[in-house]
Amino acid sequence: MPLRSKLLAWVEPQNGQEVLAAFVGGAATKRAPATQLCASSAEARKWVEDEAAAIGLPVEWLTAAPGS
């Protein structure tokens, strides 16, 4: 079993109004994150939550990308 069985997620403002949603597996912080460009922070968070639910993992929300 992985050391950390959750997704580490964050959102980043982009281009004024768009928001980049991103996440990585808790045990794979060196990998490139999964990302989705969204119209709002709410949409970004929903996308991450939906992806996490699809694979059955909880989400830990971060203020920035791991290691930044």
N, C-alpha and C. Protein backbone atom coordinates (compact mmCIF):
# COMPACT_ATOMS: atom_id res chain seq x y z
N MET A 1 0.85 -1.18 0.00
CA MET A 1 0.00 0.00 0.00
C MET A 1 0.89 1.24 0.00
N PRO A 2 0.50 2.29 -0.75
CA PRO A 2 1.31 3.51 -0.79
C PRO A 2 1.42 4.15 0.58
N LEU A 3 2.49 4.90 0.77
CA LEU A 3 2.69 5.59 2.04
C LEU A 3 1.58 6.60 2.29
N ARG A 4 1.09 7.25 1.25
CA ARG A 4 0.04 8.25 1.39
C ARG A 4 -1.03 7.97 0.36
N SER A 5 -2.13 7.42 0.79
CA SER A 5 -3.20 7.06 -0.14
C SER A 5 -4.25 8.16 -0.22
N LYS A 6 -3.85 9.31 -0.77
CA LYS A 6 -4.74 10.43 -1.00
C LYS A 6 -4.17 11.26 -2.14
N LEU A 7 -4.99 12.14 -2.67
CA LEU A 7 -4.53 13.05 -3.70
C LEU A 7 -4.17 14.38 -3.07
N LEU A 8 -3.06 14.94 -3.50
CA LEU A 8 -2.66 16.28 -3.08
C LEU A 8 -3.08 17.22 -4.19
N ALA A 9 -3.93 18.19 -3.89
CA ALA A 9 -4.52 19.04 -4.92
C ALA A 9 -4.33 20.52 -4.59
N TRP A 10 -4.33 21.34 -5.64
CA TRP A 10 -4.24 22.78 -5.49
C TRP A 10 -4.84 23.44 -6.72
N VAL A 11 -5.15 24.72 -6.59
CA VAL A 11 -5.65 25.51 -7.71
C VAL A 11 -4.76 26.74 -7.85
N GLU A 12 -4.55 27.16 -9.11
CA GLU A 12 -3.71 28.31 -9.40
C GLU A 12 -4.43 29.23 -10.37
N PRO A 13 -4.55 30.52 -10.04
CA PRO A 13 -5.15 31.47 -10.99
C PRO A 13 -4.31 31.52 -12.28
N GLN A 14 -5.00 31.64 -13.42
CA GLN A 14 -4.34 31.71 -14.72
C GLN A 14 -5.00 32.79 -15.56
N ASN A 15 -4.27 33.55 -16.29
CA ASN A 15 -4.82 34.48 -17.30
C ASN A 15 -5.98 35.33 -16.81
N GLY A 16 -5.93 35.81 -15.61
CA GLY A 16 -6.98 36.69 -15.13
C GLY A 16 -8.21 36.00 -14.57
N GLN A 17 -8.96 35.24 -15.39
CA GLN A 17 -10.20 34.66 -14.91
C GLN A 17 -10.18 33.14 -14.85
N GLU A 18 -9.32 32.48 -15.56
CA GLU A 18 -9.29 31.02 -15.54
C GLU A 18 -8.49 30.52 -14.33
N VAL A 19 -8.74 29.26 -13.99
CA VAL A 19 -8.08 28.64 -12.85
C VAL A 19 -7.56 27.28 -13.29
N LEU A 20 -6.32 26.97 -12.93
CA LEU A 20 -5.75 25.66 -13.22
C LEU A 20 -5.94 24.77 -12.00
N ALA A 21 -6.63 23.66 -12.18
CA ALA A 21 -6.77 22.65 -11.12
C ALA A 21 -5.68 21.62 -11.34
N ALA A 22 -5.06 21.15 -10.27
CA ALA A 22 -3.98 20.18 -10.40
C ALA A 22 -3.97 19.24 -9.21
N PHE A 23 -3.53 18.00 -9.45
CA PHE A 23 -3.35 17.05 -8.35
C PHE A 23 -2.33 15.99 -8.71
N VAL A 24 -1.74 15.43 -7.65
CA VAL A 24 -0.83 14.29 -7.77
C VAL A 24 -1.19 13.30 -6.67
N GLY A 25 -0.79 12.06 -6.86
CA GLY A 25 -0.95 11.09 -5.80
C GLY A 25 0.01 11.43 -4.67
N GLY A 26 -0.42 11.23 -3.45
CA GLY A 26 0.40 11.59 -2.30
C GLY A 26 1.75 10.94 -2.25
N ALA A 27 1.88 9.75 -2.84
CA ALA A 27 3.17 9.04 -2.85
C ALA A 27 3.96 9.33 -4.12
N ALA A 28 3.43 10.18 -5.01
CA ALA A 28 4.08 10.43 -6.30
C ALA A 28 4.27 11.91 -6.55
N THR A 29 4.75 12.64 -5.56
CA THR A 29 4.86 14.10 -5.69
C THR A 29 5.92 14.54 -6.70
N LYS A 30 6.78 13.66 -7.16
CA LYS A 30 7.80 14.01 -8.16
C LYS A 30 7.25 13.92 -9.58
N ARG A 31 6.07 13.33 -9.77
CA ARG A 31 5.46 13.20 -11.09
C ARG A 31 4.77 14.49 -11.50
N ALA A 32 4.59 14.67 -12.79
CA ALA A 32 3.81 15.81 -13.28
C ALA A 32 2.37 15.63 -12.83
N PRO A 33 1.73 16.72 -12.42
CA PRO A 33 0.35 16.59 -11.94
C PRO A 33 -0.65 16.43 -13.09
N ALA A 34 -1.79 15.86 -12.75
CA ALA A 34 -2.93 15.90 -13.65
C ALA A 34 -3.48 17.31 -13.56
N THR A 35 -3.85 17.91 -14.69
CA THR A 35 -4.32 19.29 -14.68
C THR A 35 -5.56 19.46 -15.55
N GLN A 36 -6.30 20.51 -15.25
CA GLN A 36 -7.49 20.88 -16.02
C GLN A 36 -7.67 22.38 -15.88
N LEU A 37 -7.82 23.07 -17.00
CA LEU A 37 -8.09 24.50 -16.97
C LEU A 37 -9.60 24.69 -16.79
N CYS A 38 -9.98 25.49 -15.79
CA CYS A 38 -11.39 25.67 -15.43
C CYS A 38 -11.76 27.15 -15.43
N ALA A 39 -13.06 27.40 -15.48
CA ALA A 39 -13.56 28.77 -15.52
C ALA A 39 -13.60 29.43 -14.14
N SER A 40 -13.60 28.63 -13.08
CA SER A 40 -13.68 29.20 -11.73
C SER A 40 -13.02 28.26 -10.72
N SER A 41 -12.77 28.79 -9.52
CA SER A 41 -12.22 27.97 -8.45
C SER A 41 -13.19 26.86 -8.06
N ALA A 42 -14.48 27.17 -8.05
CA ALA A 42 -15.48 26.16 -7.70
C ALA A 42 -15.48 25.02 -8.72
N GLU A 43 -15.40 25.36 -9.99
CA GLU A 43 -15.34 24.34 -11.04
C GLU A 43 -14.06 23.52 -10.91
N ALA A 44 -12.94 24.16 -10.58
CA ALA A 44 -11.67 23.47 -10.42
C ALA A 44 -11.73 22.48 -9.26
N ARG A 45 -12.27 22.91 -8.15
CA ARG A 45 -12.39 22.02 -6.98
C ARG A 45 -13.33 20.86 -7.27
N LYS A 46 -14.42 21.11 -8.00
CA LYS A 46 -15.34 20.05 -8.35
C LYS A 46 -14.66 19.02 -9.24
N TRP A 47 -13.87 19.47 -10.21
CA TRP A 47 -13.17 18.54 -11.09
C TRP A 47 -12.25 17.62 -10.28
N VAL A 48 -11.47 18.22 -9.37
CA VAL A 48 -10.57 17.41 -8.54
C VAL A 48 -11.37 16.42 -7.68
N GLU A 49 -12.42 16.90 -7.04
CA GLU A 49 -13.24 16.02 -6.19
C GLU A 49 -13.86 14.88 -6.99
N ASP A 50 -14.33 15.18 -8.21
CA ASP A 50 -14.91 14.14 -9.07
C ASP A 50 -13.85 13.10 -9.46
N GLU A 51 -12.65 13.55 -9.80
CA GLU A 51 -11.57 12.62 -10.15
C GLU A 51 -11.19 11.76 -8.96
N ALA A 52 -11.10 12.37 -7.79
CA ALA A 52 -10.76 11.63 -6.58
C ALA A 52 -11.83 10.58 -6.27
N ALA A 53 -13.10 10.96 -6.41
CA ALA A 53 -14.20 10.01 -6.16
C ALA A 53 -14.14 8.84 -7.13
N ALA A 54 -13.77 9.12 -8.38
CA ALA A 54 -13.71 8.07 -9.39
C ALA A 54 -12.67 7.00 -9.05
N ILE A 55 -11.61 7.41 -8.36
CA ILE A 55 -10.58 6.42 -7.99
C ILE A 55 -10.61 6.07 -6.50
N GLY A 56 -11.58 6.63 -5.79
CA GLY A 56 -11.80 6.25 -4.39
C GLY A 56 -10.77 6.76 -3.41
N LEU A 57 -10.24 7.96 -3.65
CA LEU A 57 -9.26 8.53 -2.72
C LEU A 57 -9.73 9.87 -2.16
N PRO A 58 -9.35 10.17 -0.93
CA PRO A 58 -9.66 11.49 -0.38
C PRO A 58 -8.70 12.54 -0.95
N VAL A 59 -9.07 13.80 -0.79
CA VAL A 59 -8.25 14.91 -1.29
C VAL A 59 -7.71 15.71 -0.12
N GLU A 60 -6.44 16.05 -0.19
CA GLU A 60 -5.84 17.02 0.73
C GLU A 60 -5.55 18.27 -0.08
N TRP A 61 -6.18 19.37 0.27
CA TRP A 61 -6.00 20.62 -0.47
C TRP A 61 -4.77 21.35 0.03
N LEU A 62 -3.91 21.74 -0.90
CA LEU A 62 -2.69 22.49 -0.60
C LEU A 62 -2.85 23.92 -1.09
N THR A 63 -2.04 24.82 -0.59
CA THR A 63 -2.08 26.20 -1.06
C THR A 63 -1.23 26.41 -2.31
N ALA A 64 -0.31 25.46 -2.57
CA ALA A 64 0.55 25.53 -3.75
C ALA A 64 1.03 24.12 -4.08
N ALA A 65 1.63 23.97 -5.24
CA ALA A 65 2.16 22.68 -5.66
C ALA A 65 3.18 22.16 -4.65
N PRO A 66 3.21 20.84 -4.42
CA PRO A 66 4.20 20.29 -3.49
C PRO A 66 5.63 20.64 -3.96
N GLY A 67 6.43 21.06 -3.03
CA GLY A 67 7.82 21.38 -3.34
C GLY A 67 8.03 22.76 -3.92
N SER A 68 6.97 23.56 -4.03
CA SER A 68 7.16 24.91 -4.60
C SER A 68 7.42 25.92 -3.51
